[in-house]
C-alpha cells in the first residue's frame, strides 16, 4: 500500500508540474544548467567584462576561467555563471543554444569558441590587408 501511495504522490507532482508548464510555457527546472553547482563560501559576485559577440572568444574564456580558478570555482558553477559574462547578441546566442550543447562546461566553451572563432579569423585577414 505504501508503494502505491508513493507512486500516486509522484504522479500528482508530475501532473502539477505539467500544469505549470502548460500555463507559463516554462519548465523552471530546465532553467538550471547545473542544478548542483555551488560557489565557494567566500566567493563574492564580480563585475564581468561583457562579451557582445565581437572580440576574441578565446581571450574572453581565458580571462573568465583564469579569474574563477583563483577562487576555486568548479566547472559546473563556471558553466552556470557563464551567461553573466555575455551581453547583446552573444547572450541571445547562448540562451538559444541547444541544451545538448550545454551539458558540460567544456561543451559550452567549445560551442562559444566555434560560434565566435570568425572574429579571430577576421582580425587576421584585416591585419594581412593592412600589411600589403
Protein backbone atom coordinates (compact mmCIF):
# COMPACT_ATOMS: atom_id res chain seq x y z
CA UNK A 1 0.00 0.00 0.00
CA UNK A 2 2.86 2.36 0.85
CA UNK A 3 4.47 1.96 -2.58
CA UNK A 4 1.15 2.76 -4.25
CA UNK A 5 0.84 5.96 -2.19
CA UNK A 6 4.41 6.92 -3.11
CA UNK A 7 3.70 6.35 -6.80
CA UNK A 8 0.46 8.33 -6.53
CA UNK A 9 2.28 11.25 -4.88
CA UNK A 10 4.90 11.25 -7.68
CA UNK A 11 2.16 11.17 -10.29
CA UNK A 12 0.36 14.12 -8.66
CA UNK A 13 3.64 16.06 -8.53
CA UNK A 14 4.25 15.34 -12.21
CA UNK A 15 0.73 16.45 -13.17
CA UNK A 16 1.14 19.70 -11.20
CA UNK A 17 4.46 20.36 -12.91
CA UNK A 18 2.92 19.78 -16.34
CA UNK A 19 0.04 22.12 -15.49
CA UNK A 20 2.50 24.87 -14.53
CA UNK A 21 4.45 24.36 -17.76
CA UNK A 22 1.21 24.50 -19.77
CA UNK A 23 0.21 27.72 -18.01
CA UNK A 24 3.56 29.55 -18.12
CA UNK A 25 5.26 27.83 -21.04
CA UNK A 26 8.39 27.47 -18.89
CA UNK A 27 9.86 24.41 -17.22
CA UNK A 28 11.57 26.08 -14.27
CA UNK A 29 13.77 23.05 -13.62
CA UNK A 30 15.33 23.34 -17.08
CA UNK A 31 16.44 26.91 -16.39
CA UNK A 32 19.24 25.49 -14.24
CA UNK A 33 22.02 24.16 -16.44
CA UNK A 34 23.87 22.71 -13.46
CA UNK A 35 21.43 22.47 -10.53
CA UNK A 36 24.06 21.06 -8.16
CA UNK A 37 26.62 23.79 -8.88
CA UNK A 38 27.76 25.67 -5.79
CA UNK A 39 30.06 28.63 -5.30
CA UNK A 40 32.78 28.59 -2.65
CA UNK A 41 31.70 30.15 0.66
CA UNK A 42 33.95 33.21 0.36
CA UNK A 43 33.13 33.92 -3.28
CA UNK A 44 31.86 37.44 -3.96
CA UNK A 45 29.94 38.41 -7.11
CA UNK A 46 32.05 40.13 -9.75
CA UNK A 47 31.57 42.80 -12.34
CA UNK A 48 32.39 40.99 -15.56
CA UNK A 49 33.67 42.44 -18.81
CA UNK A 50 30.79 41.55 -21.11
CA UNK A 51 31.32 39.78 -24.42
CA UNK A 52 28.90 41.09 -27.05
CA UNK A 53 29.87 38.88 -29.96
CA UNK A 54 32.85 40.92 -31.09
CA UNK A 55 36.39 40.37 -29.94
CA UNK A 56 38.42 37.28 -29.25
CA UNK A 57 36.34 34.45 -27.72
CA UNK A 58 39.44 32.57 -26.58
CA UNK A 59 40.71 35.63 -24.70
CA UNK A 60 37.29 36.03 -23.07
CA UNK A 61 37.29 32.40 -21.93
CA UNK A 62 40.88 32.60 -20.72
CA UNK A 63 40.10 35.65 -18.59
CA UNK A 64 36.90 34.08 -17.24
CA UNK A 65 38.41 30.72 -16.36
CA UNK A 66 41.60 32.27 -15.02
CA UNK A 67 39.69 34.57 -12.69
CA UNK A 68 37.30 31.92 -11.38
CA UNK A 69 40.04 29.32 -10.96
CA UNK A 70 41.72 31.59 -8.42
CA UNK A 71 38.57 31.33 -6.30
CA UNK A 72 38.32 27.53 -6.62
CA UNK A 73 35.07 27.78 -8.59
CA UNK A 74 34.17 24.38 -10.02
CA UNK A 75 33.37 23.63 -13.66
CA UNK A 76 29.62 23.31 -13.08
CA UNK A 77 29.50 26.74 -11.44
CA UNK A 78 31.57 28.18 -14.29
CA UNK A 79 29.03 26.77 -16.75
CA UNK A 80 26.09 28.11 -14.76
CA UNK A 81 27.58 31.61 -14.42
CA UNK A 82 28.97 32.00 -17.95
CA UNK A 83 25.86 33.74 -19.24
CA UNK A 84 26.58 36.59 -16.82
CA UNK A 85 29.61 37.50 -18.93
CA UNK A 86 27.59 37.87 -22.13
CA UNK A 87 25.50 40.72 -23.47
CA UNK A 88 23.52 41.62 -26.58
CA UNK A 89 23.81 39.17 -29.49
CA UNK A 90 26.16 36.87 -27.58
CA UNK A 91 23.67 36.50 -24.72
CA UNK A 92 20.84 35.81 -27.16
CA UNK A 93 23.03 33.21 -28.89
CA UNK A 94 23.72 31.48 -25.57
CA UNK A 95 20.09 31.49 -24.43
CA UNK A 96 19.04 29.96 -27.75
CA UNK A 97 21.87 27.43 -27.84
CA UNK A 98 20.55 23.87 -27.93
CA UNK A 99 20.57 22.27 -24.49
CA UNK A 100 22.58 19.35 -25.88
CA UNK A 101 25.50 21.76 -26.30
CA UNK A 102 25.26 22.86 -22.66
CA UNK A 103 25.75 19.51 -20.92
CA UNK A 104 29.19 20.34 -19.53
CA UNK A 105 31.34 23.41 -19.09
CA UNK A 106 33.62 22.03 -21.80
CA UNK A 107 30.64 21.77 -24.19
CA UNK A 108 29.74 25.40 -23.52
CA UNK A 109 33.31 26.60 -24.05
CA UNK A 110 33.67 24.66 -27.30
CA UNK A 111 30.35 25.93 -28.66
CA UNK A 112 31.27 29.50 -27.70
CA UNK A 113 34.66 29.38 -29.45
CA UNK A 114 33.14 27.68 -32.51
CA UNK A 115 30.46 30.38 -32.73
CA UNK A 116 32.81 33.36 -32.44
CA UNK A 117 36.02 31.97 -33.92
CA UNK A 118 35.38 34.01 -37.07
CA UNK A 119 36.33 37.11 -35.04
CA UNK A 120 39.89 35.81 -34.77
CA UNK A 121 39.99 34.85 -38.45
CA UNK A 122 38.55 38.23 -39.50
CA UNK A 123 41.11 40.11 -37.39
CA UNK A 124 43.95 38.21 -39.06
CA UNK A 125 42.54 38.93 -42.54
CA UNK A 126 42.24 42.67 -41.81
CA UNK A 127 45.79 42.70 -40.47
CA UNK A 128 47.04 40.94 -43.61
CA UNK A 129 45.30 43.52 -45.81
CA UNK A 130 46.79 46.39 -43.84
CA UNK A 131 50.30 44.96 -44.26
CA UNK A 132 50.02 44.85 -48.07
